[in-house]
Amino acid sequence: MKAAMSKAGCTALYTLEEVDIESEPELFARYQYEIPVLFINGVEAFRHRLRPDEFRAYLAALVSEQS
């Protein structure tokens, strides 16, 4: 998923914070079979995989909402 995010060409629009779910029992119980999961602003945006164009469009929509 990180590779696809990088290919989207919009790294200036986000800061990636990785969470090791194995260090947090509640998260591990919830997501152990769903990795990777991407949350954006606290909302689950993508699960398992994403396409660069979908990711770029999602971020662009967020930026336009904030304007």
PDB file of N, CA and C in Angstrom:
ATOM      1  N   MET A   1       0.823  -1.183   0.000  1.00  0.00           N
ATOM      2  CA  MET A   1       0.000   0.000   0.000  1.00  0.00           C
ATOM      3  C   MET A   1       0.873   1.254   0.000  1.00  0.00           C
ATOM      4  N   LYS A   2       1.974   1.221   0.749  1.00  0.00           N
ATOM      5  CA  LYS A   2       2.853   2.386   0.776  1.00  0.00           C
ATOM      6  C   LYS A   2       3.429   2.684  -0.602  1.00  0.00           C
ATOM      7  N   ALA A   3       3.742   1.660  -1.358  1.00  0.00           N
ATOM      8  CA  ALA A   3       4.281   1.868  -2.708  1.00  0.00           C
ATOM      9  C   ALA A   3       3.242   2.554  -3.595  1.00  0.00           C
ATOM     10  N   ALA A   4       1.995   2.123  -3.508  1.00  0.00           N
ATOM     11  CA  ALA A   4       0.933   2.738  -4.308  1.00  0.00           C
ATOM     12  C   ALA A   4       0.711   4.181  -3.883  1.00  0.00           C
ATOM     13  N   MET A   5       0.799   4.453  -2.587  1.00  0.00           N
ATOM     14  CA  MET A   5       0.658   5.827  -2.109  1.00  0.00           C
ATOM     15  C   MET A   5       1.762   6.700  -2.689  1.00  0.00           C
ATOM     16  N   SER A   6       2.967   6.184  -2.712  1.00  0.00           N
ATOM     17  CA  SER A   6       4.093   6.927  -3.261  1.00  0.00           C
ATOM     18  C   SER A   6       3.909   7.192  -4.751  1.00  0.00           C
ATOM     19  N   LYS A   7       3.410   6.197  -5.473  1.00  0.00           N
ATOM     20  CA  LYS A   7       3.184   6.343  -6.917  1.00  0.00           C
ATOM     21  C   LYS A   7       2.105   7.367  -7.237  1.00  0.00           C
ATOM     22  N   ALA A   8       1.271   7.676  -6.266  1.00  0.00           N
ATOM     23  CA  ALA A   8       0.189   8.645  -6.494  1.00  0.00           C
ATOM     24  C   ALA A   8       0.735  10.050  -6.747  1.00  0.00           C
ATOM     25  N   GLY A   9       1.970  10.293  -6.335  1.00  0.00           N
ATOM     26  CA  GLY A   9       2.597  11.576  -6.620  1.00  0.00           C
ATOM     27  C   GLY A   9       2.053  12.744  -5.831  1.00  0.00           C
ATOM     28  N   CYS A  10       1.577  12.487  -4.632  1.00  0.00           N
ATOM     29  CA  CYS A  10       1.014  13.582  -3.837  1.00  0.00           C
ATOM     30  C   CYS A  10       1.503  13.537  -2.392  1.00  0.00           C
ATOM     31  N   THR A  11       2.760  13.180  -2.202  1.00  0.00           N
ATOM     32  CA  THR A  11       3.301  13.038  -0.857  1.00  0.00           C
ATOM     33  C   THR A  11       3.264  14.328  -0.044  1.00  0.00           C
ATOM     34  N   ALA A  12       3.199  15.461  -0.705  1.00  0.00           N
ATOM     35  CA  ALA A  12       3.132  16.736   0.011  1.00  0.00           C
ATOM     36  C   ALA A  12       1.777  16.937   0.701  1.00  0.00           C
ATOM     37  N   LEU A  13       0.793  16.134   0.336  1.00  0.00           N
ATOM     38  CA  LEU A  13      -0.556  16.307   0.886  1.00  0.00           C
ATOM     39  C   LEU A  13      -0.822  15.503   2.149  1.00  0.00           C
ATOM     40  N   TYR A  14       0.119  14.658   2.557  1.00  0.00           N
ATOM     41  CA  TYR A  14      -0.153  13.830   3.738  1.00  0.00           C
ATOM     42  C   TYR A  14       1.127  13.522   4.500  1.00  0.00           C
ATOM     43  N   THR A  15       0.927  13.134   5.739  1.00  0.00           N
ATOM     44  CA  THR A  15       2.001  12.629   6.588  1.00  0.00           C
ATOM     45  C   THR A  15       1.587  11.228   7.011  1.00  0.00           C
ATOM     46  N   LEU A  16       2.429  10.264   6.729  1.00  0.00           N
ATOM     47  CA  LEU A  16       2.118   8.873   7.052  1.00  0.00           C
ATOM     48  C   LEU A  16       2.572   8.551   8.464  1.00  0.00           C
ATOM     49  N   GLU A  17       1.660   8.022   9.250  1.00  0.00           N
ATOM     50  CA  GLU A  17       1.980   7.544  10.596  1.00  0.00           C
ATOM     51  C   GLU A  17       1.655   6.051  10.622  1.00  0.00           C
ATOM     52  N   GLU A  18       2.677   5.235  10.745  1.00  0.00           N
ATOM     53  CA  GLU A  18       2.473   3.793  10.776  1.00  0.00           C
ATOM     54  C   GLU A  18       2.253   3.337  12.214  1.00  0.00           C
ATOM     55  N   VAL A  19       1.340   2.377  12.378  1.00  0.00           N
ATOM     56  CA  VAL A  19       1.037   1.817  13.691  1.00  0.00           C
ATOM     57  C   VAL A  19       1.274   0.325  13.626  1.00  0.00           C
ATOM     58  N   ASP A  20       2.070  -0.186  14.540  1.00  0.00           N
ATOM     59  CA  ASP A  20       2.315  -1.622  14.649  1.00  0.00           C
ATOM     60  C   ASP A  20       1.188  -2.226  15.480  1.00  0.00           C
ATOM     61  N   ILE A  21       0.232  -2.842  14.825  1.00  0.00           N
ATOM     62  CA  ILE A  21      -0.930  -3.349  15.556  1.00  0.00           C
ATOM     63  C   ILE A  21      -0.577  -4.477  16.509  1.00  0.00           C
ATOM     64  N   GLU A  22       0.538  -5.139  16.291  1.00  0.00           N
ATOM     65  CA  GLU A  22       0.925  -6.223  17.198  1.00  0.00           C
ATOM     66  C   GLU A  22       1.296  -5.693  18.574  1.00  0.00           C
ATOM     67  N   SER A  23       1.608  -4.428  18.689  1.00  0.00           N
ATOM     68  CA  SER A  23       1.949  -3.851  19.985  1.00  0.00           C
ATOM     69  C   SER A  23       0.719  -3.343  20.735  1.00  0.00           C
ATOM     70  N   GLU A  24      -0.440  -3.372  20.084  1.00  0.00           N
ATOM     71  CA  GLU A  24      -1.680  -2.905  20.705  1.00  0.00           C
ATOM     72  C   GLU A  24      -2.740  -3.995  20.573  1.00  0.00           C
ATOM     73  N   PRO A  25      -2.990  -4.748  21.657  1.00  0.00           N
ATOM     74  CA  PRO A  25      -3.890  -5.905  21.594  1.00  0.00           C
ATOM     75  C   PRO A  25      -5.265  -5.628  20.977  1.00  0.00           C
ATOM     76  N   GLU A  26      -5.845  -4.485  21.282  1.00  0.00           N
ATOM     77  CA  GLU A  26      -7.167  -4.166  20.737  1.00  0.00           C
ATOM     78  C   GLU A  26      -7.120  -4.017  19.213  1.00  0.00           C
ATOM     79  N   LEU A  27      -6.117  -3.324  18.724  1.00  0.00           N
ATOM     80  CA  LEU A  27      -5.968  -3.169  17.279  1.00  0.00           C
ATOM     81  C   LEU A  27      -5.647  -4.496  16.611  1.00  0.00           C
ATOM     82  N   PHE A  28      -4.811  -5.294  17.244  1.00  0.00           N
ATOM     83  CA  PHE A  28      -4.472  -6.600  16.675  1.00  0.00           C
ATOM     84  C   PHE A  28      -5.709  -7.476  16.555  1.00  0.00           C
ATOM     85  N   ALA A  29      -6.516  -7.516  17.593  1.00  0.00           N
ATOM     86  CA  ALA A  29      -7.746  -8.319  17.560  1.00  0.00           C
ATOM     87  C   ALA A  29      -8.688  -7.842  16.457  1.00  0.00           C
ATOM     88  N   ARG A  30      -8.713  -6.547  16.241  1.00  0.00           N
ATOM     89  CA  ARG A  30      -9.643  -5.977  15.253  1.00  0.00           C
ATOM     90  C   ARG A  30      -9.153  -6.109  13.816  1.00  0.00           C
ATOM     91  N   TYR A  31      -7.838  -5.955  13.585  1.00  0.00           N
ATOM     92  CA  TYR A  31      -7.325  -5.846  12.221  1.00  0.00           C
ATOM     93  C   TYR A  31      -6.349  -6.934  11.786  1.00  0.00           C
ATOM     94  N   GLN A  32      -6.122  -7.950  12.581  1.00  0.00           N
ATOM     95  CA  GLN A  32      -5.081  -8.919  12.248  1.00  0.00           C
ATOM     96  C   GLN A  32      -5.242  -9.568  10.880  1.00  0.00           C
ATOM     97  N   TYR A  33      -6.456  -9.687  10.396  1.00  0.00           N
ATOM     98  CA  TYR A  33      -6.692 -10.294   9.080  1.00  0.00           C
ATOM     99  C   TYR A  33      -7.014  -9.254   8.008  1.00  0.00           C
ATOM    100  N   GLU A  34      -6.894  -7.998   8.350  1.00  0.00           N
ATOM    101  CA  GLU A  34      -7.298  -6.913   7.442  1.00  0.00           C
ATOM    102  C   GLU A  34      -6.138  -6.028   7.008  1.00  0.00           C
ATOM    103  N   ILE A  35      -4.940  -6.385   7.330  1.00  0.00           N
ATOM    104  CA  ILE A  35      -3.766  -5.568   7.054  1.00  0.00           C
ATOM    105  C   ILE A  35      -3.484  -5.525   5.561  1.00  0.00           C
ATOM    106  N   PRO A  36      -3.131  -4.402   5.011  1.00  0.00           N
ATOM    107  CA  PRO A  36      -3.056  -3.090   5.636  1.00  0.00           C
ATOM    108  C   PRO A  36      -4.403  -2.373   5.617  1.00  0.00           C
ATOM    109  N   VAL A  37      -4.544  -1.471   6.547  1.00  0.00           N
ATOM    110  CA  VAL A  37      -5.715  -0.602   6.628  1.00  0.00           C
ATOM    111  C   VAL A  37      -5.190   0.824   6.681  1.00  0.00           C
ATOM    112  N   LEU A  38      -5.794   1.700   5.915  1.00  0.00           N
ATOM    113  CA  LEU A  38      -5.369   3.094   5.893  1.00  0.00           C
ATOM    114  C   LEU A  38      -6.504   3.975   6.398  1.00  0.00           C
ATOM    115  N   PHE A  39      -6.205   4.698   7.467  1.00  0.00           N
ATOM    116  CA  PHE A  39      -7.136   5.681   8.002  1.00  0.00           C
ATOM    117  C   PHE A  39      -6.639   7.050   7.595  1.00  0.00           C
ATOM    118  N   ILE A  40      -7.552   7.898   7.193  1.00  0.00           N
ATOM    119  CA  ILE A  40      -7.222   9.274   6.859  1.00  0.00           C
ATOM    120  C   ILE A  40      -8.115  10.163   7.709  1.00  0.00           C
ATOM    121  N   ASN A  41      -7.486  10.980   8.517  1.00  0.00           N
ATOM    122  CA  ASN A  41      -8.208  11.847   9.456  1.00  0.00           C
ATOM    123  C   ASN A  41      -9.165  11.053  10.344  1.00  0.00           C
ATOM    124  N   GLY A  42      -8.721   9.871  10.778  1.00  0.00           N
ATOM    125  CA  GLY A  42      -9.515   9.054  11.691  1.00  0.00           C
ATOM    126  C   GLY A  42     -10.603   8.220  11.056  1.00  0.00           C
ATOM    127  N   VAL A  43     -10.700   8.251   9.743  1.00  0.00           N
ATOM    128  CA  VAL A  43     -11.735   7.506   9.022  1.00  0.00           C
ATOM    129  C   VAL A  43     -11.082   6.437   8.159  1.00  0.00           C
ATOM    130  N   GLU A  44     -11.586   5.209   8.245  1.00  0.00           N
ATOM    131  CA  GLU A  44     -11.023   4.158   7.393  1.00  0.00           C
ATOM    132  C   GLU A  44     -11.303   4.499   5.938  1.00  0.00           C
ATOM    133  N   ALA A  45     -10.229   4.627   5.163  1.00  0.00           N
ATOM    134  CA  ALA A  45     -10.362   5.025   3.768  1.00  0.00           C
ATOM    135  C   ALA A  45     -10.093   3.868   2.804  1.00  0.00           C
ATOM    136  N   PHE A  46      -9.126   3.005   3.147  1.00  0.00           N
ATOM    137  CA  PHE A  46      -8.761   1.888   2.271  1.00  0.00           C
ATOM    138  C   PHE A  46      -8.412   0.679   3.127  1.00  0.00           C
ATOM    139  N   ARG A  47      -8.737  -0.491   2.601  1.00  0.00           N
ATOM    140  CA  ARG A  47      -8.416  -1.739   3.272  1.00  0.00           C
ATOM    141  C   ARG A  47      -7.836  -2.699   2.249  1.00  0.00           C
ATOM    142  N   HIS A  48      -6.764  -3.372   2.612  1.00  0.00           N
ATOM    143  CA  HIS A  48      -6.060  -4.375   1.807  1.00  0.00           C
ATOM    144  C   HIS A  48      -5.212  -3.778   0.701  1.00  0.00           C
ATOM    145  N   ARG A  49      -5.760  -2.903  -0.124  1.00  0.00           N
ATOM    146  CA  ARG A  49      -4.979  -2.314  -1.219  1.00  0.00           C
ATOM    147  C   ARG A  49      -5.633  -1.010  -1.652  1.00  0.00           C
ATOM    148  N   LEU A  50      -4.853  -0.252  -2.388  1.00  0.00           N
ATOM    149  CA  LEU A  50      -5.407   0.948  -3.011  1.00  0.00           C
ATOM    150  C   LEU A  50      -4.696   1.171  -4.329  1.00  0.00           C
ATOM    151  N   ARG A  51      -5.347   1.903  -5.192  1.00  0.00           N
ATOM    152  CA  ARG A  51      -4.728   2.282  -6.463  1.00  0.00           C
ATOM    153  C   ARG A  51      -4.268   3.722  -6.339  1.00  0.00           C
ATOM    154  N   PRO A  52      -3.127   4.038  -6.946  1.00  0.00           N
ATOM    155  CA  PRO A  52      -2.618   5.408  -6.840  1.00  0.00           C
ATOM    156  C   PRO A  52      -3.637   6.471  -7.255  1.00  0.00           C
ATOM    157  N   ASP A  53      -4.384   6.232  -8.330  1.00  0.00           N
ATOM    158  CA  ASP A  53      -5.354   7.228  -8.785  1.00  0.00           C
ATOM    159  C   ASP A  53      -6.494   7.408  -7.788  1.00  0.00           C
ATOM    160  N   GLU A  54      -6.925   6.325  -7.146  1.00  0.00           N
ATOM    161  CA  GLU A  54      -7.993   6.420  -6.144  1.00  0.00           C
ATOM    162  C   GLU A  54      -7.517   7.193  -4.914  1.00  0.00           C
ATOM    163  N   PHE A  55      -6.283   6.919  -4.507  1.00  0.00           N
ATOM    164  CA  PHE A  55      -5.717   7.603  -3.353  1.00  0.00           C
ATOM    165  C   PHE A  55      -5.580   9.095  -3.635  1.00  0.00           C
ATOM    166  N   ARG A  56      -5.046   9.440  -4.793  1.00  0.00           N
ATOM    167  CA  ARG A  56      -4.877  10.844  -5.181  1.00  0.00           C
ATOM    168  C   ARG A  56      -6.240  11.553  -5.222  1.00  0.00           C
ATOM    169  N   ALA A  57      -7.244  10.903  -5.778  1.00  0.00           N
ATOM    170  CA  ALA A  57      -8.579  11.498  -5.852  1.00  0.00           C
ATOM    171  C   ALA A  57      -9.176  11.701  -4.460  1.00  0.00           C
ATOM    172  N   TYR A  58      -8.966  10.740  -3.586  1.00  0.00           N
ATOM    173  CA  TYR A  58      -9.469  10.846  -2.213  1.00  0.00           C
ATOM    174  C   TYR A  58      -8.854  12.056  -1.521  1.00  0.00           C
ATOM    175  N   LEU A  59      -7.525  12.175  -1.628  1.00  0.00           N
ATOM    176  CA  LEU A  59      -6.852  13.312  -0.999  1.00  0.00           C
ATOM    177  C   LEU A  59      -7.273  14.636  -1.632  1.00  0.00           C
ATOM    178  N   ALA A  60      -7.404  14.665  -2.936  1.00  0.00           N
ATOM    179  CA  ALA A  60      -7.825  15.893  -3.626  1.00  0.00           C
ATOM    180  C   ALA A  60      -9.210  16.328  -3.142  1.00  0.00           C
ATOM    181  N   ALA A  61     -10.094  15.375  -2.941  1.00  0.00           N
ATOM    182  CA  ALA A  61     -11.432  15.691  -2.445  1.00  0.00           C
ATOM    183  C   ALA A  61     -11.361  16.286  -1.031  1.00  0.00           C
ATOM    184  N   LEU A  62     -10.499  15.728  -0.183  1.00  0.00           N
ATOM    185  CA  LEU A  62     -10.333  16.274   1.161  1.00  0.00           C
ATOM    186  C   LEU A  62      -9.794  17.690   1.135  1.00  0.00           C
ATOM    187  N   VAL A  63      -8.819  17.931   0.272  1.00  0.00           N
ATOM    188  CA  VAL A  63      -8.229  19.261   0.166  1.00  0.00           C
ATOM    189  C   VAL A  63      -9.264  20.259  -0.315  1.00  0.00           C
ATOM    190  N   SER A  64     -10.080  19.878  -1.294  1.00  0.00           N
ATOM    191  CA  SER A  64     -11.089  20.811  -1.809  1.00  0.00           C
ATOM    192  C   SER A  64     -12.184  21.076  -0.774  1.00  0.00           C
ATOM    193  N   GLU A  65     -12.483  20.090   0.083  1.00  0.00           N
ATOM    194  CA  GLU A  65     -13.458  20.300   1.153  1.00  0.00           C
ATOM    195  C   GLU A  65     -12.953  21.334   2.166  1.00  0.00           C
ATOM    196  N   GLN A  66     -11.645  21.330   2.400  1.00  0.00           N
ATOM    197  CA  GLN A  66     -11.052  22.230   3.379  1.00  0.00           C
ATOM    198  C   GLN A  66     -10.890  23.645   2.848  1.00  0.00           C
ATOM    199  N   SER A  67     -10.990  23.816   1.550  1.00  0.00           N
ATOM    200  CA  SER A  67     -10.808  25.146   0.945  1.00  0.00           C
ATOM    201  C   SER A  67     -12.067  25.967   1.014  1.00  0.00           C
TER     202      SER A  67
END
